[in-house]
Amino acid sequence: MTQSVEASAGTKLPLWVKLTGSAMGILFTGFGMSRFLSAGPMREVFIPIVTGAIMIYVSGYERRLFLNTEGFCRETSFWGQSKRDFVSWDDVADVRVILNKGKKIYVLPHAVREAWPLTFSIEQKDEVLCLLKECIAEEDIKIEQ
């Protein structure tokens, strides 16, 4: 069983923002297409279509960062198509944990290849430290206050 702790610093838009962004993007694109069909000036066609397409595209973006027994993971998805990047524990030399005065927990890995710093809420402190101690040697975990 893979134990996992999700970081609080991912980019996940609320559902209402996604729906509003998609609806506004469709409206902008529709406005641009109606100007195109009525042979309007190019700036009245191009700008709304591009703006609408960008709004639709961005509303489908999500990024999650998490820590699990396999290593550090970054999952990026656009409209259901996801991509996962892993940095396994074998590639991690040591981990620096910064406890920011009871506000946040920052986990900074030093690895052979690029690894992503993770931010956790203070409520996740026990889970994060337990998972780190399970996956990496205690002498490789540096905790700073």
Protein backbone atom coordinates (compact mmCIF):
# COMPACT_ATOMS: atom_id res chain seq x y z
CA MET A 1 0.00 0.00 0.00
CA THR A 2 1.35 3.40 -0.98
CA GLN A 3 1.05 6.01 1.75
CA SER A 4 0.72 9.52 0.34
CA VAL A 5 0.62 13.09 1.69
CA GLU A 6 -0.58 15.82 -0.67
CA ALA A 7 1.14 19.21 -0.52
CA SER A 8 -0.94 22.32 -0.07
CA ALA A 9 0.94 24.29 -2.73
CA GLY A 10 -0.52 22.65 -5.82
CA THR A 11 -2.55 24.57 -8.38
CA LYS A 12 -6.10 23.36 -8.28
CA LEU A 13 -8.79 25.76 -9.38
CA PRO A 14 -12.17 25.57 -7.63
CA LEU A 15 -15.00 24.13 -9.71
CA TRP A 16 -16.83 27.44 -9.94
CA VAL A 17 -13.72 29.11 -11.40
CA LYS A 18 -13.34 26.32 -13.96
CA LEU A 19 -16.99 26.55 -15.01
CA THR A 20 -16.95 30.34 -15.16
CA GLY A 21 -13.68 30.37 -17.12
CA SER A 22 -14.95 27.79 -19.57
CA ALA A 23 -18.28 29.60 -20.04
CA MET A 24 -16.57 32.96 -20.56
CA GLY A 25 -14.11 31.35 -22.97
CA ILE A 26 -16.96 29.86 -24.99
CA LEU A 27 -18.72 33.24 -25.05
CA PHE A 28 -15.58 35.08 -26.19
CA THR A 29 -14.86 32.48 -28.86
CA GLY A 30 -18.48 32.56 -30.03
CA PHE A 31 -18.38 36.36 -30.24
CA GLY A 32 -15.21 36.20 -32.33
CA MET A 33 -16.68 33.55 -34.63
CA SER A 34 -19.86 35.59 -35.12
CA ARG A 35 -17.70 38.58 -36.13
CA PHE A 36 -15.78 36.32 -38.50
CA LEU A 37 -18.97 35.07 -40.14
CA SER A 38 -20.30 38.61 -40.51
CA ALA A 39 -17.00 39.71 -42.13
CA GLY A 40 -16.00 42.05 -39.29
CA PRO A 41 -12.57 43.63 -38.92
CA MET A 42 -9.76 41.21 -38.08
CA ARG A 43 -9.07 42.68 -34.61
CA GLU A 44 -12.74 42.01 -33.69
CA VAL A 45 -12.28 38.41 -34.82
CA PHE A 46 -8.78 37.46 -33.71
CA ILE A 47 -8.63 38.92 -30.18
CA PRO A 48 -11.88 37.36 -28.83
CA ILE A 49 -11.10 33.95 -30.36
CA VAL A 50 -7.58 33.85 -28.90
CA THR A 51 -8.76 35.18 -25.52
CA GLY A 52 -11.59 32.62 -25.38
CA ALA A 53 -9.29 29.76 -26.34
CA ILE A 54 -6.79 30.75 -23.63
CA MET A 55 -9.56 30.94 -21.01
CA ILE A 56 -10.84 27.48 -21.95
CA TYR A 57 -7.32 26.03 -21.97
CA VAL A 58 -6.32 27.50 -18.58
CA SER A 59 -9.53 26.38 -16.87
CA GLY A 60 -8.54 22.76 -17.53
CA TYR A 61 -5.13 23.00 -15.82
CA GLU A 62 -4.35 21.30 -12.51
CA ARG A 63 -1.10 20.56 -10.72
CA ARG A 64 -0.70 18.40 -7.63
CA LEU A 65 2.46 17.85 -5.65
CA PHE A 66 2.72 15.04 -3.15
CA LEU A 67 5.06 12.89 -1.17
CA ASN A 68 4.61 9.13 -1.02
CA THR A 69 6.52 5.95 -0.29
CA GLU A 70 7.86 5.94 -3.87
CA GLY A 71 9.30 9.47 -3.65
CA PHE A 72 8.41 13.02 -4.62
CA CYS A 73 5.67 13.28 -7.24
CA ARG A 74 4.37 16.09 -9.45
CA GLU A 75 1.17 15.42 -11.37
CA THR A 76 0.10 17.87 -14.06
CA SER A 77 -3.15 17.50 -15.96
CA PHE A 78 -4.85 19.37 -18.77
CA TRP A 79 -8.46 18.40 -19.35
CA GLY A 80 -8.07 14.85 -18.07
CA GLN A 81 -4.74 14.04 -19.71
CA SER A 82 -2.26 13.74 -16.90
CA LYS A 83 1.49 13.44 -16.67
CA ARG A 84 3.39 12.28 -13.59
CA ASP A 85 6.98 13.02 -12.77
CA PHE A 86 8.70 11.10 -9.97
CA VAL A 87 11.91 11.56 -8.06
CA SER A 88 12.45 8.28 -6.25
CA TRP A 89 13.93 7.98 -2.79
CA ASP A 90 17.03 6.35 -4.33
CA ASP A 91 17.80 9.69 -6.06
CA VAL A 92 17.36 11.77 -2.89
CA ALA A 93 20.55 12.48 -0.95
CA ASP A 94 18.96 14.32 1.96
CA VAL A 95 15.87 16.29 2.92
CA ARG A 96 15.68 19.63 4.70
CA VAL A 97 12.45 20.25 6.64
CA ILE A 98 11.71 23.84 7.67
CA LEU A 99 9.01 24.41 10.28
CA ASN A 100 7.93 28.00 9.71
CA LYS A 101 6.77 29.15 13.17
CA GLY A 102 3.68 26.97 13.17
CA LYS A 103 2.37 28.26 9.84
CA LYS A 104 3.73 25.97 7.13
CA ILE A 105 6.12 23.08 6.66
CA TYR A 106 8.60 23.26 3.79
CA VAL A 107 10.26 20.08 2.56
CA LEU A 108 13.32 20.74 0.41
CA PRO A 109 14.90 17.65 -1.15
CA HIS A 110 18.50 17.54 -2.37
CA ALA A 111 18.54 14.98 -5.14
CA VAL A 112 20.61 13.77 -8.06
CA ARG A 113 18.04 15.17 -10.48
CA GLU A 114 15.62 18.07 -10.15
CA ALA A 115 13.22 17.68 -7.23
CA TRP A 116 10.44 20.05 -6.24
CA PRO A 117 10.14 21.80 -2.89
CA LEU A 118 6.87 20.93 -1.18
CA THR A 119 4.75 23.02 1.17
CA PHE A 120 2.47 21.38 3.72
CA SER A 121 0.07 22.75 6.29
CA ILE A 122 1.07 22.51 9.93
CA GLU A 123 -1.69 19.91 10.54
CA GLN A 124 0.20 17.49 8.28
CA LYS A 125 3.41 17.67 10.33
CA ASP A 126 3.12 14.21 11.93
CA GLU A 127 2.19 12.53 8.63
CA VAL A 128 5.06 14.18 6.74
CA LEU A 129 7.72 13.43 9.35
CA CYS A 130 6.50 9.83 9.76
CA LEU A 131 6.62 9.26 6.00
CA LEU A 132 10.08 10.82 5.73
CA LYS A 133 11.45 8.68 8.57
CA GLU A 134 9.96 5.59 6.92
CA CYS A 135 11.50 6.30 3.51
CA ILE A 136 14.88 7.90 4.19
CA ALA A 137 17.50 7.46 6.91
CA GLU A 138 17.03 9.74 9.93
CA GLU A 139 20.55 11.19 9.63
CA ASP A 140 19.58 12.45 6.14
CA ILE A 141 16.62 14.44 7.51
CA LYS A 142 17.54 17.93 8.71
CA ILE A 143 14.78 19.67 10.67
CA GLU A 144 15.02 23.44 11.15
CA GLN A 145 12.79 25.60 13.29
